Protein backbone atom coordinates (compact mmCIF):
# COMPACT_ATOMS: atom_id res chain seq x y z
CA MET A 1 -5.72 -19.36 1.94
CA ASN A 2 -5.13 -19.61 -1.80
CA GLN A 3 -5.17 -17.06 -4.58
CA PHE A 4 -8.71 -18.07 -5.54
CA ASP A 5 -9.98 -17.02 -2.08
CA ILE A 6 -8.38 -13.64 -2.67
CA LYS A 7 -9.77 -13.44 -6.21
CA GLN A 8 -13.27 -14.08 -4.88
CA GLU A 9 -12.86 -11.38 -2.23
CA VAL A 10 -11.55 -8.96 -4.87
CA LEU A 11 -14.61 -9.60 -7.05
CA MET A 12 -16.93 -8.97 -4.09
CA ALA A 13 -14.93 -5.89 -3.12
CA GLU A 14 -15.25 -4.49 -6.63
CA LYS A 15 -19.05 -4.53 -6.35
CA ARG A 16 -19.03 -3.02 -2.84
CA ILE A 17 -16.58 -0.18 -3.29
CA ARG A 18 -17.11 0.92 -6.89
CA PRO A 19 -19.47 3.81 -5.98
CA HIS A 20 -16.94 5.10 -3.43
CA ILE A 21 -13.53 5.00 -5.17
CA LYS A 22 -11.93 6.08 -8.42
CA GLN A 23 -10.85 3.79 -11.21
CA THR A 24 -7.39 5.25 -11.62
CA TYR A 25 -5.50 5.74 -14.88
CA LEU A 26 -3.00 3.25 -16.24
CA ASP A 27 -0.68 5.61 -18.10
CA TYR A 28 2.00 4.56 -20.56
CA SER A 29 5.21 6.50 -19.92
CA VAL A 30 7.19 7.28 -23.06
CA ALA A 31 10.10 8.75 -21.07
CA LEU A 32 10.40 5.91 -18.54
CA SER A 33 10.01 3.32 -21.27
CA HIS A 34 12.83 4.99 -23.22
CA ALA A 35 15.04 5.11 -20.11
CA THR A 36 14.52 1.45 -19.14
CA LYS A 37 13.85 -0.12 -22.57
CA ALA A 38 10.77 -1.73 -21.00
CA ASN A 39 7.15 -0.79 -21.76
CA VAL A 40 6.36 1.09 -18.56
CA PHE A 41 2.78 1.64 -17.41
CA LEU A 42 1.95 3.68 -14.29
CA LYS A 43 -1.04 2.72 -12.16
CA CYS A 44 -1.87 6.13 -10.73
CA GLU A 45 -3.14 5.42 -7.21
CA ASN A 46 -1.46 8.69 -6.25
CA LEU A 47 -4.62 10.23 -7.77
CA GLN A 48 -6.99 8.08 -5.66
CA TYR A 49 -9.24 9.66 -2.99
CA THR A 50 -7.15 10.68 0.06
CA GLY A 51 -4.05 10.56 -2.18
CA ALA A 52 -3.35 6.83 -1.84
CA PHE A 53 -4.64 3.35 -2.70
CA LYS A 54 -5.74 2.73 0.89
CA ALA A 55 -9.28 4.00 0.26
CA ARG A 56 -10.00 0.70 -1.50
CA GLY A 57 -9.26 -1.61 1.42
CA ALA A 58 -10.73 0.73 4.01
CA PHE A 59 -14.06 1.02 2.21
CA ASN A 60 -14.28 -2.72 1.56
CA LYS A 61 -13.74 -3.46 5.25
CA LEU A 62 -16.17 -0.82 6.49
CA LEU A 63 -18.85 -1.86 4.01
CA SER A 64 -18.40 -5.48 5.17
CA LEU A 65 -19.27 -4.66 8.78
CA THR A 66 -22.64 -5.70 10.17
CA PRO A 67 -24.95 -3.01 11.61
CA ALA A 68 -24.04 -4.22 15.12
CA GLU A 69 -20.32 -3.91 14.35
CA ARG A 70 -20.81 -0.42 12.92
CA GLU A 71 -22.58 0.55 16.13
CA LYS A 72 -19.55 -0.49 18.19
CA GLY A 73 -17.28 1.87 16.27
CA VAL A 74 -13.89 1.36 14.66
CA VAL A 75 -10.25 1.65 15.74
CA THR A 76 -7.30 1.64 13.37
CA ALA A 77 -3.56 2.28 13.33
CA SER A 78 -1.53 3.72 10.51
CA SER A 79 1.60 5.55 9.44
CA GLY A 80 -0.86 7.93 7.75
CA ASN A 81 -2.43 6.80 4.48
CA HIS A 82 -4.56 3.97 5.89
CA GLY A 83 -5.65 6.26 8.72
CA ALA A 84 -6.83 8.90 6.26
CA ALA A 85 -8.64 6.26 4.19
CA VAL A 86 -10.45 4.83 7.22
CA ALA A 87 -11.32 8.32 8.44
CA PHE A 88 -12.64 9.17 4.97
CA GLY A 89 -14.79 6.04 5.00
CA LEU A 90 -16.04 6.59 8.54
CA ASN A 91 -17.01 10.15 7.68
CA LYS A 92 -18.86 9.11 4.53
CA LEU A 93 -20.63 6.14 6.14
CA LYS A 94 -21.37 7.98 9.42
CA ILE A 95 -19.52 5.50 11.64
CA LYS A 96 -17.64 6.58 14.78
CA GLY A 97 -13.99 5.68 15.12
CA VAL A 98 -10.48 6.46 16.39
CA VAL A 99 -7.26 6.60 14.36
CA PHE A 100 -3.86 5.98 15.99
CA VAL A 101 -0.62 7.12 14.35
CA PRO A 102 3.02 7.07 15.49
CA GLU A 103 4.29 10.17 17.25
CA ASN A 104 6.71 10.77 14.38
CA ALA A 105 4.07 10.44 11.63
CA SER A 106 4.38 12.75 8.62
CA SER A 107 2.74 16.11 9.29
CA THR A 108 1.18 16.01 5.82
CA LYS A 109 -0.41 12.63 6.53
CA VAL A 110 -1.62 13.77 9.95
CA ASP A 111 -3.23 16.83 8.35
CA ASN A 112 -4.82 14.56 5.74
CA ILE A 113 -6.42 12.43 8.50
CA ARG A 114 -7.69 15.59 10.19
CA ASN A 115 -9.49 16.51 6.97
CA TYR A 116 -11.96 13.75 7.90
CA THR A 117 -11.82 13.34 11.69
CA ASN A 118 -10.59 14.91 14.92
CA ASP A 119 -10.52 11.53 16.68
CA LEU A 120 -6.78 11.14 16.20
CA LYS A 121 -4.36 9.80 18.82
CA PHE A 122 -0.57 9.41 18.84
CA TYR A 123 1.30 6.41 20.23
CA GLY A 124 4.80 4.95 19.77
CA THR A 125 7.54 5.69 17.27
CA ASP A 126 7.20 2.55 15.14
CA CYS A 127 4.12 1.36 13.24
CA SER A 128 4.18 -2.04 14.96
CA GLN A 129 4.06 -0.35 18.39
CA THR A 130 1.14 1.80 17.25
CA GLU A 131 -0.71 -1.22 15.86
CA MET A 132 -0.32 -3.25 19.06
CA HIS A 133 -1.58 -0.34 21.13
CA ALA A 134 -4.57 0.22 18.84
CA LEU A 135 -5.45 -3.49 19.00
CA ALA A 136 -5.44 -3.36 22.80
CA TYR A 137 -7.50 -0.16 22.77
CA ALA A 138 -10.10 -1.78 20.50
CA LYS A 139 -10.42 -4.81 22.81
CA GLN A 140 -10.62 -2.62 25.90
CA HIS A 141 -13.42 -0.48 24.43
CA ASN A 142 -15.24 -3.33 22.60
CA MET A 143 -14.65 -1.70 19.21
CA ILE A 144 -13.80 -3.19 15.80
CA TYR A 145 -10.12 -3.07 14.85
CA VAL A 146 -9.35 -2.44 11.18
CA SER A 147 -5.81 -3.55 10.37
CA PRO A 148 -3.86 -1.72 7.65
CA TYR A 149 -3.05 -5.10 6.06
CA ASN A 150 -3.85 -8.13 8.27
CA ASP A 151 -7.43 -8.53 7.07
CA LEU A 152 -8.95 -10.35 4.10
CA GLN A 153 -11.43 -7.56 3.31
CA VAL A 154 -8.66 -4.95 3.35
CA ILE A 155 -6.52 -7.15 1.10
CA GLY A 156 -9.49 -7.74 -1.21
CA GLY A 157 -10.10 -4.03 -1.54
CA GLN A 158 -6.48 -3.38 -2.46
CA GLY A 159 -6.67 -6.25 -4.95
CA THR A 160 -9.21 -4.32 -7.04
CA ILE A 161 -6.14 -2.52 -8.41
CA GLY A 162 -5.14 -5.81 -10.02
CA LEU A 163 -8.61 -6.26 -11.46
CA GLU A 164 -8.50 -2.77 -12.98
CA ILE A 165 -5.06 -3.39 -14.47
CA THR A 166 -6.32 -6.53 -16.26
CA ASN A 167 -9.12 -4.45 -17.78
CA GLN A 168 -6.67 -1.75 -18.88
CA LEU A 169 -3.78 -3.80 -20.30
CA ASP A 170 -4.03 -6.99 -22.35
CA VAL A 171 -0.50 -8.30 -21.74
CA ILE A 172 1.08 -7.92 -18.29
CA ASP A 173 4.56 -9.32 -17.78
CA ALA A 174 5.51 -7.88 -14.38
CA VAL A 175 4.02 -5.67 -11.66
CA PHE A 176 6.24 -3.69 -9.28
CA VAL A 177 4.57 -3.03 -5.92
CA PRO A 178 5.90 -1.30 -2.77
CA VAL A 179 5.75 -3.57 0.28
CA GLY A 180 5.28 -2.66 3.93
CA GLY A 181 2.76 -4.83 5.76
CA GLY A 182 2.02 -6.60 2.50
CA GLY A 183 -1.68 -5.83 2.10
CA LEU A 184 -1.30 -4.12 -1.26
CA ILE A 185 0.85 -6.76 -2.93
CA SER A 186 -1.16 -9.59 -1.33
CA GLY A 187 -4.36 -8.34 -2.93
CA ILE A 188 -2.85 -7.60 -6.33
CA ALA A 189 -0.79 -10.82 -6.44
CA GLY A 190 -3.64 -13.00 -5.22
CA TYR A 191 -5.91 -11.71 -7.96
CA LEU A 192 -3.40 -11.59 -10.81
CA LYS A 193 -1.90 -15.02 -10.09
CA ALA A 194 -5.40 -16.51 -10.18
CA VAL A 195 -5.97 -14.87 -13.56
CA ASN A 196 -2.51 -15.55 -15.01
CA PRO A 197 0.17 -17.33 -12.93
CA ALA A 198 2.88 -16.21 -15.39
CA ILE A 199 2.65 -12.56 -14.33
CA GLN A 200 5.72 -11.73 -12.24
CA MET A 201 4.98 -10.05 -8.92
CA ILE A 202 7.91 -7.94 -7.74
CA GLY A 203 7.94 -6.77 -4.12
CA CYS A 204 9.87 -3.52 -3.64
CA LEU A 205 11.26 -2.43 -0.27
CA PRO A 206 13.67 0.14 1.15
CA LEU A 207 16.98 -1.26 2.36
CA ASN A 208 16.35 0.64 5.60
CA SER A 209 13.16 -1.32 6.36
CA PRO A 210 13.06 -4.68 4.55
CA VAL A 211 11.04 -6.58 7.17
CA MET A 212 8.75 -8.59 4.87
CA ALA A 213 11.57 -9.55 2.49
CA GLU A 214 13.82 -10.65 5.37
CA SER A 215 10.95 -12.57 6.99
CA VAL A 216 10.25 -14.44 3.75
CA LYS A 217 13.97 -15.21 3.43
CA ALA A 218 14.02 -16.53 7.02
CA GLY A 219 10.84 -18.56 6.53
CA HIS A 220 9.08 -16.93 9.48
CA LEU A 221 8.10 -13.49 10.72
CA ILE A 222 11.07 -11.74 12.26
CA GLU A 223 11.55 -8.70 14.43
CA MET A 224 14.38 -6.49 13.31
CA GLU A 225 15.63 -3.01 13.97
CA THR A 226 14.84 -0.74 11.06
CA LEU A 227 16.28 2.61 10.05
CA PRO A 228 14.38 5.76 9.06
CA THR A 229 13.30 5.83 5.43
CA ILE A 230 11.72 8.34 3.11
CA SER A 231 9.28 5.52 2.33
CA ASP A 232 7.41 5.93 5.61
CA ALA A 233 4.36 4.06 4.25
CA THR A 234 6.43 0.85 4.04
CA ALA A 235 8.38 1.33 7.27
CA GLY A 236 8.33 -0.66 10.50
CA GLY A 237 7.55 -4.16 11.69
CA LEU A 238 4.69 -6.57 11.05
CA GLU A 239 1.70 -7.55 13.17
CA PRO A 240 2.28 -11.04 14.69
CA GLY A 241 0.45 -13.71 12.73
CA THR A 242 -0.35 -11.47 9.78
CA ILE A 243 -2.00 -13.36 6.92
CA THR A 244 0.01 -11.35 4.42
CA PHE A 245 3.19 -13.25 5.28
CA ASP A 246 2.02 -16.58 3.83
CA ILE A 247 0.44 -14.83 0.84
CA CYS A 248 3.70 -13.03 0.08
CA ARG A 249 5.66 -16.28 0.46
CA GLN A 250 3.41 -17.99 -2.07
CA TRP A 251 2.62 -15.37 -4.68
CA VAL A 252 5.42 -12.79 -4.73
CA ASP A 253 8.11 -13.93 -7.14
CA GLU A 254 10.99 -11.80 -5.89
CA TYR A 255 11.95 -8.87 -3.70
CA ILE A 256 14.14 -5.94 -4.72
CA LEU A 257 15.66 -3.66 -2.06
CA VAL A 258 16.65 -0.08 -2.85
CA SER A 259 18.65 2.62 -1.08
CA GLU A 260 17.39 5.98 0.11
CA GLU A 261 19.34 7.69 -2.66
CA GLU A 262 17.72 5.45 -5.28
CA ILE A 263 14.27 6.26 -3.88
CA LYS A 264 14.96 10.00 -4.01
CA ASN A 265 16.23 9.75 -7.58
CA ALA A 266 13.05 7.91 -8.58
CA ILE A 267 10.82 10.62 -7.06
CA VAL A 268 12.77 13.28 -8.95
CA SER A 269 12.54 11.23 -12.16
CA MET A 270 8.75 11.00 -11.79
CA ILE A 271 8.49 14.77 -11.37
CA LYS A 272 10.77 15.47 -14.33
CA THR A 273 9.31 12.95 -16.78
CA GLN A 274 5.64 12.70 -15.78
CA HIS A 275 5.10 15.91 -13.79
CA LEU A 276 3.52 13.70 -11.13
CA LEU A 277 4.04 14.00 -7.39
CA ILE A 278 4.63 10.74 -5.52
CA GLU A 279 5.69 9.86 -1.99
CA GLY A 280 8.49 7.53 -0.94
CA ALA A 281 6.69 4.19 -1.33
CA PRO A 282 5.98 4.42 -5.07
CA GLY A 283 9.49 5.83 -5.40
CA VAL A 284 10.66 2.46 -4.05
CA ALA A 285 8.78 0.62 -6.81
CA LEU A 286 10.15 2.82 -9.59
CA ALA A 287 13.66 2.66 -8.13
CA ALA A 288 13.43 -1.14 -8.15
CA LEU A 289 12.67 -1.11 -11.88
CA PHE A 290 15.57 1.27 -12.56
CA LYS A 291 17.86 -1.04 -10.56
CA GLU A 292 16.88 -4.18 -12.49
CA ALA A 293 15.82 -2.65 -15.82
CA ALA A 294 18.09 -4.87 -17.93
CA ARG A 295 16.02 -7.93 -17.00
CA PHE A 296 12.75 -6.36 -18.13
CA GLN A 297 13.68 -4.96 -21.53
CA GLY A 298 10.83 -5.33 -24.00
CA LYS A 299 8.43 -6.44 -21.24
CA ASN A 300 5.12 -4.82 -20.29
CA VAL A 301 5.81 -3.56 -16.77
CA VAL A 302 3.32 -1.94 -14.39
CA ILE A 303 4.52 0.32 -11.57
CA VAL A 304 1.95 0.84 -8.81
CA LEU A 305 2.18 4.50 -7.77
CA SER A 306 0.70 3.84 -4.35
CA GLY A 307 0.45 7.39 -3.00
CA ALA A 308 1.25 11.08 -3.30
CA ASN A 309 1.22 12.22 0.33
CA ILE A 310 4.72 13.60 0.65
CA SER A 311 5.37 16.54 2.96
CA VAL A 312 6.83 19.81 1.71
CA GLU A 313 9.79 19.33 4.05
CA THR A 314 10.53 15.86 2.68
CA LEU A 315 10.10 17.04 -0.90
CA LYS A 316 12.58 19.86 -0.27
CA SER A 317 15.12 17.36 1.06
CA VAL A 318 14.64 15.21 -2.05
CA LEU A 319 15.08 18.09 -4.46
CA CYS A 320 18.06 19.71 -2.74
């Protein structure tokens, strides 16, 4: 797969999903620009339906299903945001489905899923365990599995963020994107690199769960023990054979890893300077810019604020 395949899917996704999702703001931050000496723009997917960017990929996948596939019903697995997005889409499109989440999923994200469906099941304590179980469940019940990231239509939907950014900003030097399974950065990078290969794509990960970055470094998908992270949306392992691995190897220019303390400081900074609530994953992206700000002085930098679904308990621990 090359970036032009992704670009084509993004263009098709844009037509499919436009009636169902928001075009989110690209806000220039005076305070963050002053602090980093870069020109910082915030892509506010924290204000997207269901509180995260995932609505884009979920809708593109669901709208791509044939009538026969819709009739079978859908199964998905998620740490929370993708599950809520799929449930939102299933509810709106009147398709039956089941959402699996880890047993330790954020209570806020579980409640968000339950806003749209009661067909919610718990399995495992790591996203990769939950995904494998959901895949098996889908095969056993002859249902359609919707991966959080290992799917071209899901990637294409997320890539519409890149398309929007190009319509909102004339000169883009670098884009900072949180990375878990890689669906978000695969879509954005695939589209932007097809439009302008000079744009730097920066993958941002927590030190406690750097699976994609370590896999790219090793040259193959690896299994590794990860530690708990406030960035639960980027936590855990990767589905075997995921198409995002090769995309990330090709089109992501570098990876920056950040500590839990750096993530917390970024969340606090966003609240103080922008009065915006974000969860751990976009905190990773902002923390990565803070960590490497000297290299991006004077550059037009976009931070993808991927979601806002942070629990009250987690927020308290950040602020204390």
